[in-house]
PDB file of N, CA and C in Angstrom:
ATOM      1  N   MET A   1       0.874  -1.117  -0.090  1.00  0.00           N
ATOM      2  CA  MET A   1      -0.280  -0.130  -0.039  1.00  0.00           C
ATOM      3  C   MET A   1       1.027   1.418   0.036  1.00  0.00           C
ATOM      4  N   ILE A   2       1.766   1.136   0.519  1.00  0.00           N
ATOM      5  CA  ILE A   2       2.959   2.517   0.933  1.00  0.00           C
ATOM      6  C   ILE A   2       3.497   2.609  -0.199  1.00  0.00           C
ATOM      7  N   ASP A   3       3.723   1.616  -1.205  1.00  0.00           N
ATOM      8  CA  ASP A   3       4.696   1.437  -2.505  1.00  0.00           C
ATOM      9  C   ASP A   3       3.989   2.197  -3.444  1.00  0.00           C
ATOM     10  N   GLU A   4       2.524   1.772  -3.528  1.00  0.00           N
ATOM     11  CA  GLU A   4       1.766   2.270  -4.262  1.00  0.00           C
ATOM     12  C   GLU A   4       1.421   4.019  -4.288  1.00  0.00           C
ATOM     13  N   CYS A   5       1.173   4.245  -2.916  1.00  0.00           N
ATOM     14  CA  CYS A   5       1.294   5.781  -3.000  1.00  0.00           C
ATOM     15  C   CYS A   5       2.405   6.422  -3.259  1.00  0.00           C
ATOM     16  N   LEU A   6       3.686   6.149  -3.017  1.00  0.00           N
ATOM     17  CA  LEU A   6       5.044   6.477  -3.854  1.00  0.00           C
ATOM     18  C   LEU A   6       4.619   6.701  -5.140  1.00  0.00           C
ATOM     19  N   MET A   7       4.471   5.571  -5.812  1.00  0.00           N
ATOM     20  CA  MET A   7       4.586   5.389  -6.978  1.00  0.00           C
ATOM     21  C   MET A   7       3.269   6.555  -7.585  1.00  0.00           C
ATOM     22  N   ALA A   8       2.240   6.332  -7.067  1.00  0.00           N
ATOM     23  CA  ALA A   8       1.392   7.337  -7.396  1.00  0.00           C
ATOM     24  C   ALA A   8       1.828   8.980  -7.150  1.00  0.00           C
ATOM     25  N   GLU A   9       2.545   9.379  -6.351  1.00  0.00           N
ATOM     26  CA  GLU A   9       3.095  10.623  -6.011  1.00  0.00           C
ATOM     27  C   GLU A   9       4.480  10.839  -6.588  1.00  0.00           C
ATOM     28  N   PHE A  10       4.959  10.070  -7.245  1.00  0.00           N
ATOM     29  CA  PHE A  10       6.169   9.859  -7.885  1.00  0.00           C
ATOM     30  C   PHE A  10       5.312  10.529  -9.743  1.00  0.00           C
ATOM     31  N   ARG A  11       4.610   9.852  -9.772  1.00  0.00           N
ATOM     32  CA  ARG A  11       3.831  10.197 -11.166  1.00  0.00           C
ATOM     33  C   ARG A  11       3.308  11.444 -11.059  1.00  0.00           C
ATOM     34  N   ILE A  12       2.445  11.989  -9.936  1.00  0.00           N
ATOM     35  CA  ILE A  12       1.710  13.329 -10.036  1.00  0.00           C
ATOM     36  C   ILE A  12       3.000  14.353  -9.835  1.00  0.00           C
ATOM     37  N   ARG A  13       3.302  14.349  -8.721  1.00  0.00           N
ATOM     38  CA  ARG A  13       3.831  15.418  -8.431  1.00  0.00           C
ATOM     39  C   ARG A  13       5.739  15.043  -9.065  1.00  0.00           C
ATOM     40  N   GLY A  14       6.320  14.083  -9.309  1.00  0.00           N
ATOM     41  CA  GLY A  14       7.546  13.858  -9.810  1.00  0.00           C
ATOM     42  C   GLY A  14       8.735  14.430  -8.804  1.00  0.00           C
ATOM     43  N   ASP A  15       9.757  14.961  -9.304  1.00  0.00           N
ATOM     44  CA  ASP A  15      10.501  15.337  -8.655  1.00  0.00           C
ATOM     45  C   ASP A  15      10.399  16.777  -7.295  1.00  0.00           C
ATOM     46  N   ASP A  16       8.984  17.258  -8.177  1.00  0.00           N
ATOM     47  CA  ASP A  16       8.580  18.258  -6.595  1.00  0.00           C
ATOM     48  C   ASP A  16       8.388  17.759  -5.341  1.00  0.00           C
ATOM     49  N   CYS A  17       7.982  16.201  -5.180  1.00  0.00           N
ATOM     50  CA  CYS A  17       7.522  15.555  -4.176  1.00  0.00           C
ATOM     51  C   CYS A  17       8.767  15.198  -3.127  1.00  0.00           C
ATOM     52  N   PRO A  18       9.237  15.474  -2.073  1.00  0.00           N
ATOM     53  CA  PRO A  18      10.095  14.601  -1.165  1.00  0.00           C
ATOM     54  C   PRO A  18       9.932  12.694  -1.275  1.00  0.00           C
ATOM     55  N   LEU A  19       8.541  12.429  -1.499  1.00  0.00           N
ATOM     56  CA  LEU A  19       8.332  10.960  -1.450  1.00  0.00           C
ATOM     57  C   LEU A  19       8.866  10.620  -3.070  1.00  0.00           C
ATOM     58  N   ALA A  20       9.533  11.501  -3.647  1.00  0.00           N
ATOM     59  CA  ALA A  20       9.809  10.946  -5.176  1.00  0.00           C
ATOM     60  C   ALA A  20      11.403  10.729  -4.846  1.00  0.00           C
ATOM     61  N   ASP A  21      11.647  11.411  -3.877  1.00  0.00           N
ATOM     62  CA  ASP A  21      13.274  11.207  -3.633  1.00  0.00           C
ATOM     63  C   ASP A  21      13.402   9.809  -2.878  1.00  0.00           C
ATOM     64  N   ALA A  22      12.475   9.825  -2.108  1.00  0.00           N
ATOM     65  CA  ALA A  22      12.470   8.543  -0.997  1.00  0.00           C
ATOM     66  C   ALA A  22      12.273   7.264  -2.017  1.00  0.00           C
ATOM     67  N   SER A  23      11.518   7.403  -3.193  1.00  0.00           N
ATOM     68  CA  SER A  23      11.034   6.472  -4.056  1.00  0.00           C
ATOM     69  C   SER A  23      12.271   5.646  -4.936  1.00  0.00           C
ATOM     70  N   ARG A  24      13.138   6.576  -5.436  1.00  0.00           N
ATOM     71  CA  ARG A  24      14.146   6.603  -5.866  1.00  0.00           C
ATOM     72  C   ARG A  24      15.362   6.368  -5.298  1.00  0.00           C
ATOM     73  N   ALA A  25      15.416   6.363  -4.196  1.00  0.00           N
ATOM     74  CA  ALA A  25      16.227   5.804  -2.773  1.00  0.00           C
ATOM     75  C   ALA A  25      16.232   4.005  -3.022  1.00  0.00           C
ATOM     76  N   ALA A  26      14.690   4.027  -2.888  1.00  0.00           N
ATOM     77  CA  ALA A  26      14.609   2.843  -2.592  1.00  0.00           C
ATOM     78  C   ALA A  26      14.326   2.069  -3.799  1.00  0.00           C
ATOM     79  N   ASP A  27      14.303   2.042  -4.783  1.00  0.00           N
ATOM     80  CA  ASP A  27      14.545   1.517  -6.184  1.00  0.00           C
ATOM     81  C   ASP A  27      16.370   1.339  -6.276  1.00  0.00           C
ATOM     82  N   ALA A  28      17.066   2.520  -5.914  1.00  0.00           N
ATOM     83  CA  ALA A  28      18.636   2.071  -5.977  1.00  0.00           C
ATOM     84  C   ALA A  28      18.404   1.050  -5.018  1.00  0.00           C
ATOM     85  N   VAL A  29      18.477   1.069  -3.867  1.00  0.00           N
ATOM     86  CA  VAL A  29      18.785  -0.280  -3.038  1.00  0.00           C
ATOM     87  C   VAL A  29      18.401  -1.434  -3.677  1.00  0.00           C
ATOM     88  N   VAL A  30      17.345  -1.686  -4.295  1.00  0.00           N
ATOM     89  CA  VAL A  30      16.686  -3.024  -4.740  1.00  0.00           C
ATOM     90  C   VAL A  30      17.793  -3.046  -6.014  1.00  0.00           C
ATOM     91  N   ASP A  31      17.957  -2.157  -6.710  1.00  0.00           N
ATOM     92  CA  ASP A  31      18.839  -2.800  -8.196  1.00  0.00           C
ATOM     93  C   ASP A  31      20.288  -2.927  -7.548  1.00  0.00           C
ATOM     94  N   VAL A  32      21.025  -2.431  -6.600  1.00  0.00           N
ATOM     95  CA  VAL A  32      22.196  -2.656  -5.781  1.00  0.00           C
ATOM     96  C   VAL A  32      21.456  -4.297  -5.727  1.00  0.00           C
ATOM     97  N   ALA A  33      20.442  -4.748  -4.328  1.00  0.00           N
ATOM     98  CA  ALA A  33      20.612  -5.839  -4.393  1.00  0.00           C
ATOM     99  C   ALA A  33      19.516  -6.715  -5.411  1.00  0.00           C
TER     100      ALA A  33
END
């Protein structure tokens, strides 16, 4: 549910939203793992 919210925020707000940064950070961690 939280992931879905982050994805929605990323699409709607883009780089203007702090959640977008958190989403990118999470994606980076997943990519490395």
